[in-house]
Amino acid sequence: MSTNLKISNVTKIYPGCVANDNVSLEFKSGKIYALLGENGAGKSTLVKILSGVIRPDEGQIFLNNKIIKLNSPIDAKKNKIGMVFQHFNLFETLSVFENLIIDSNETRESFREKIKSIMQKYNFTIDLDIPVLNLSAGQKQKVEIIRCLIR
């Protein structure tokens, strides 16, 4: 059975602004999705809901047809829900590898092999040992994607 994330009738209202109004979407495992829309369309709010950063006022989130509660980013991570954001969350003075291993309990050797496997699968070529500050914006985005996939 393929993993299926579904949001159903999600609404989020801020004072004076309806950010998401009865939004329903379905995401299939193994696919990559992008949310597109004008400024103020509610994309960031929806992603924050799926990331557990904020809670919807109405609606439900399902994972494999079971209702889940995403009360925090930890809940999202436990449910293997990951997001790559427009703005980078990397430590510029650390190496790519150090940024990726920061909250891992794995040995450096096994973690490095795991990273290399993901990079090979997605045809990413990044030197793991250079400081992030030496990377282009596109390379930094790839590091964020690798971090999301490795979790």
C-alpha atoms as a PDB file:
ATOM      1  CA  MET A   1       0.000   0.000   0.000  1.00  0.00           C
ATOM      2  CA  SER A   2       1.367   3.406  -0.931  1.00  0.00           C
ATOM      3  CA  THR A   3       1.523   6.130   1.693  1.00  0.00           C
ATOM      4  CA  ASN A   4      -1.203   8.673   1.288  1.00  0.00           C
ATOM      5  CA  LEU A   5      -1.432  12.054   3.022  1.00  0.00           C
ATOM      6  CA  LYS A   6      -4.747  13.816   2.737  1.00  0.00           C
ATOM      7  CA  ILE A   7      -6.042  17.098   4.058  1.00  0.00           C
ATOM      8  CA  SER A   8      -9.780  17.448   4.186  1.00  0.00           C
ATOM      9  CA  ASN A   9     -11.769  20.673   4.520  1.00  0.00           C
ATOM     10  CA  VAL A  10      -8.936  22.549   6.239  1.00  0.00           C
ATOM     11  CA  THR A  11      -9.670  26.126   7.236  1.00  0.00           C
ATOM     12  CA  LYS A  12      -7.340  28.583   8.960  1.00  0.00           C
ATOM     13  CA  ILE A  13      -8.534  32.048   9.890  1.00  0.00           C
ATOM     14  CA  TYR A  14      -6.360  34.865  11.184  1.00  0.00           C
ATOM     15  CA  PRO A  15      -7.894  38.073  12.538  1.00  0.00           C
ATOM     16  CA  GLY A  16      -9.277  39.838   9.490  1.00  0.00           C
ATOM     17  CA  CYS A  17      -8.036  37.201   7.011  1.00  0.00           C
ATOM     18  CA  VAL A  18      -9.135  33.753   5.871  1.00  0.00           C
ATOM     19  CA  ALA A  19      -5.829  32.124   4.924  1.00  0.00           C
ATOM     20  CA  ASN A  20      -7.226  28.699   3.964  1.00  0.00           C
ATOM     21  CA  ASP A  21     -10.914  28.175   3.263  1.00  0.00           C
ATOM     22  CA  ASN A  22     -12.109  24.561   3.172  1.00  0.00           C
ATOM     23  CA  VAL A  23      -8.975  23.240   1.419  1.00  0.00           C
ATOM     24  CA  SER A  24      -8.786  19.561   0.460  1.00  0.00           C
ATOM     25  CA  LEU A  25      -5.733  17.943  -1.160  1.00  0.00           C
ATOM     26  CA  GLU A  26      -4.241  14.485  -1.478  1.00  0.00           C
ATOM     27  CA  PHE A  27      -0.558  13.556  -1.682  1.00  0.00           C
ATOM     28  CA  LYS A  28       0.709  10.155  -2.844  1.00  0.00           C
ATOM     29  CA  SER A  29       3.941   8.568  -1.689  1.00  0.00           C
ATOM     30  CA  GLY A  30       6.877   8.787  -4.064  1.00  0.00           C
ATOM     31  CA  LYS A  31       5.658  11.974  -5.729  1.00  0.00           C
ATOM     32  CA  ILE A  32       7.016  15.488  -5.413  1.00  0.00           C
ATOM     33  CA  TYR A  33       4.504  18.306  -5.059  1.00  0.00           C
ATOM     34  CA  ALA A  34       4.725  22.082  -5.322  1.00  0.00           C
ATOM     35  CA  LEU A  35       2.191  24.607  -4.073  1.00  0.00           C
ATOM     36  CA  LEU A  36       1.823  27.519  -6.461  1.00  0.00           C
ATOM     37  CA  GLY A  37      -0.206  30.667  -6.048  1.00  0.00           C
ATOM     38  CA  GLU A  38      -0.165  34.409  -5.674  1.00  0.00           C
ATOM     39  CA  ASN A  39       1.081  36.210  -2.579  1.00  0.00           C
ATOM     40  CA  GLY A  40      -1.460  35.803   0.194  1.00  0.00           C
ATOM     41  CA  ALA A  41      -3.070  32.722  -1.361  1.00  0.00           C
ATOM     42  CA  GLY A  42      -2.446  30.637   1.781  1.00  0.00           C
ATOM     43  CA  LYS A  43       0.433  28.431   0.591  1.00  0.00           C
ATOM     44  CA  SER A  44       2.694  29.112   3.564  1.00  0.00           C
ATOM     45  CA  THR A  45      -0.163  28.664   6.008  1.00  0.00           C
ATOM     46  CA  LEU A  46      -1.037  25.291   4.507  1.00  0.00           C
ATOM     47  CA  VAL A  47       2.583  24.129   4.633  1.00  0.00           C
ATOM     48  CA  LYS A  48       2.857  25.298   8.252  1.00  0.00           C
ATOM     49  CA  ILE A  49      -0.245  23.248   9.081  1.00  0.00           C
ATOM     50  CA  LEU A  50       1.264  20.154   7.438  1.00  0.00           C
ATOM     51  CA  SER A  51       4.552  20.818   9.248  1.00  0.00           C
ATOM     52  CA  GLY A  52       2.847  21.021  12.640  1.00  0.00           C
ATOM     53  CA  VAL A  53       3.892  24.648  13.119  1.00  0.00           C
ATOM     54  CA  ILE A  54       0.289  25.891  13.327  1.00  0.00           C
ATOM     55  CA  ARG A  55      -3.035  24.109  13.755  1.00  0.00           C
ATOM     56  CA  PRO A  56      -6.034  24.424  11.471  1.00  0.00           C
ATOM     57  CA  ASP A  57      -9.224  25.938  12.857  1.00  0.00           C
ATOM     58  CA  GLU A  58     -11.272  23.309  11.038  1.00  0.00           C
ATOM     59  CA  GLY A  59     -10.682  20.179   8.998  1.00  0.00           C
ATOM     60  CA  GLN A  60      -8.716  16.984   9.359  1.00  0.00           C
ATOM     61  CA  ILE A  61      -5.433  15.470   8.236  1.00  0.00           C
ATOM     62  CA  PHE A  62      -5.236  11.793   7.304  1.00  0.00           C
ATOM     63  CA  LEU A  63      -2.231   9.527   6.874  1.00  0.00           C
ATOM     64  CA  ASN A  64      -3.074   6.181   5.269  1.00  0.00           C
ATOM     65  CA  ASN A  65      -6.769   6.841   5.954  1.00  0.00           C
ATOM     66  CA  LYS A  66      -6.228   7.432   9.689  1.00  0.00           C
ATOM     67  CA  ILE A  67      -6.748  10.832  11.293  1.00  0.00           C
ATOM     68  CA  ILE A  68      -3.524  12.299  12.641  1.00  0.00           C
ATOM     69  CA  LYS A  69      -2.929  15.345  14.822  1.00  0.00           C
ATOM     70  CA  LEU A  70       0.044  17.536  13.951  1.00  0.00           C
ATOM     71  CA  ASN A  71       0.397  19.601  17.102  1.00  0.00           C
ATOM     72  CA  SER A  72       4.105  20.255  16.602  1.00  0.00           C
ATOM     73  CA  PRO A  73       6.910  19.800  14.070  1.00  0.00           C
ATOM     74  CA  ILE A  74       7.913  16.729  16.098  1.00  0.00           C
ATOM     75  CA  ASP A  75       4.519  15.164  15.310  1.00  0.00           C
ATOM     76  CA  ALA A  76       5.078  15.852  11.601  1.00  0.00           C
ATOM     77  CA  LYS A  77       8.542  14.289  11.744  1.00  0.00           C
ATOM     78  CA  LYS A  78       7.214  11.200  13.584  1.00  0.00           C
ATOM     79  CA  ASN A  79       4.707  10.789  10.748  1.00  0.00           C
ATOM     80  CA  LYS A  80       7.502  11.169   8.166  1.00  0.00           C
ATOM     81  CA  ILE A  81       6.112  14.436   6.840  1.00  0.00           C
ATOM     82  CA  GLY A  82       8.863  16.733   5.649  1.00  0.00           C
ATOM     83  CA  MET A  83       8.902  20.117   3.977  1.00  0.00           C
ATOM     84  CA  VAL A  84      11.533  22.083   2.125  1.00  0.00           C
ATOM     85  CA  PHE A  85      11.033  25.792   2.580  1.00  0.00           C
ATOM     86  CA  GLN A  86      12.020  28.721   0.390  1.00  0.00           C
ATOM     87  CA  HIS A  87      14.325  30.181   3.040  1.00  0.00           C
ATOM     88  CA  PHE A  88      17.236  28.027   4.115  1.00  0.00           C
ATOM     89  CA  ASN A  89      17.693  26.745   7.639  1.00  0.00           C
ATOM     90  CA  LEU A  90      21.384  25.880   7.395  1.00  0.00           C
ATOM     91  CA  PHE A  91      24.410  26.750   9.486  1.00  0.00           C
ATOM     92  CA  GLU A  92      26.580  28.670   7.038  1.00  0.00           C
ATOM     93  CA  THR A  93      29.915  28.005   8.760  1.00  0.00           C
ATOM     94  CA  LEU A  94      29.381  24.247   9.080  1.00  0.00           C
ATOM     95  CA  SER A  95      30.056  21.796   6.275  1.00  0.00           C
ATOM     96  CA  VAL A  96      27.247  20.234   4.272  1.00  0.00           C
ATOM     97  CA  PHE A  97      27.825  16.954   6.127  1.00  0.00           C
ATOM     98  CA  GLU A  98      27.776  18.642   9.551  1.00  0.00           C
ATOM     99  CA  ASN A  99      24.478  20.344   8.681  1.00  0.00           C
ATOM    100  CA  LEU A 100      22.956  17.012   7.704  1.00  0.00           C
ATOM    101  CA  ILE A 101      24.190  14.944  10.663  1.00  0.00           C
ATOM    102  CA  ILE A 102      23.333  17.513  13.364  1.00  0.00           C
ATOM    103  CA  ASP A 103      20.453  15.623  15.021  1.00  0.00           C
ATOM    104  CA  SER A 104      21.363  12.083  13.979  1.00  0.00           C
ATOM    105  CA  ASN A 105      22.428   9.293  16.305  1.00  0.00           C
ATOM    106  CA  GLU A 106      24.059   7.310  13.502  1.00  0.00           C
ATOM    107  CA  THR A 107      27.785   6.875  13.112  1.00  0.00           C
ATOM    108  CA  ARG A 108      29.447   9.370  10.804  1.00  0.00           C
ATOM    109  CA  GLU A 109      30.420   6.592   8.386  1.00  0.00           C
ATOM    110  CA  SER A 110      26.954   5.041   8.060  1.00  0.00           C
ATOM    111  CA  PHE A 111      25.312   8.467   7.813  1.00  0.00           C
ATOM    112  CA  ARG A 112      27.737   9.541   5.082  1.00  0.00           C
ATOM    113  CA  GLU A 113      26.862   6.389   3.112  1.00  0.00           C
ATOM    114  CA  LYS A 114      23.162   7.114   3.549  1.00  0.00           C
ATOM    115  CA  ILE A 115      23.664  10.653   2.205  1.00  0.00           C
ATOM    116  CA  LYS A 116      25.691   9.388  -0.757  1.00  0.00           C
ATOM    117  CA  SER A 117      22.947   6.883  -1.585  1.00  0.00           C
ATOM    118  CA  ILE A 118      20.303   9.638  -1.651  1.00  0.00           C
ATOM    119  CA  MET A 119      22.560  11.912  -3.695  1.00  0.00           C
ATOM    120  CA  GLN A 120      23.136   9.138  -6.219  1.00  0.00           C
ATOM    121  CA  LYS A 121      19.427   8.288  -6.422  1.00  0.00           C
ATOM    122  CA  TYR A 122      18.505  11.912  -7.183  1.00  0.00           C
ATOM    123  CA  ASN A 123      21.627  12.734  -9.198  1.00  0.00           C
ATOM    124  CA  PHE A 124      22.832  15.423  -6.760  1.00  0.00           C
ATOM    125  CA  THR A 125      26.513  16.328  -6.804  1.00  0.00           C
ATOM    126  CA  ILE A 126      27.573  18.313  -3.748  1.00  0.00           C
ATOM    127  CA  ASP A 127      30.862  18.180  -1.875  1.00  0.00           C
ATOM    128  CA  LEU A 128      29.847  17.127   1.645  1.00  0.00           C
ATOM    129  CA  ASP A 129      32.962  18.592   3.214  1.00  0.00           C
ATOM    130  CA  ILE A 130      32.754  22.232   2.114  1.00  0.00           C
ATOM    131  CA  PRO A 131      31.149  24.954   4.241  1.00  0.00           C
ATOM    132  CA  VAL A 132      27.565  25.762   3.310  1.00  0.00           C
ATOM    133  CA  LEU A 133      28.507  29.422   2.826  1.00  0.00           C
ATOM    134  CA  ASN A 134      30.423  28.369  -0.318  1.00  0.00           C
ATOM    135  CA  LEU A 135      27.323  26.854  -1.951  1.00  0.00           C
ATOM    136  CA  SER A 136      25.058  28.465  -4.525  1.00  0.00           C
ATOM    137  CA  ALA A 137      21.380  28.971  -3.674  1.00  0.00           C
ATOM    138  CA  GLY A 138      20.503  25.934  -5.806  1.00  0.00           C
ATOM    139  CA  GLN A 139      23.014  23.760  -3.976  1.00  0.00           C
ATOM    140  CA  LYS A 140      21.680  24.939  -0.607  1.00  0.00           C
ATOM    141  CA  GLN A 141      18.193  23.966  -1.751  1.00  0.00           C
ATOM    142  CA  LYS A 142      19.521  20.497  -2.599  1.00  0.00           C
ATOM    143  CA  VAL A 143      21.035  20.204   0.888  1.00  0.00           C
ATOM    144  CA  GLU A 144      17.615  21.037   2.355  1.00  0.00           C
ATOM    145  CA  ILE A 145      16.018  18.395   0.113  1.00  0.00           C
ATOM    146  CA  ILE A 146      18.595  15.791   1.176  1.00  0.00           C
ATOM    147  CA  ARG A 147      17.940  16.646   4.829  1.00  0.00           C
ATOM    148  CA  CYS A 148      14.223  16.134   4.291  1.00  0.00           C
ATOM    149  CA  LEU A 149      14.706  12.826   2.455  1.00  0.00           C
ATOM    150  CA  ILE A 150      17.197  11.430   4.955  1.00  0.00           C
ATOM    151  CA  ARG A 151      14.811  11.729   7.886  1.00  0.00           C
END
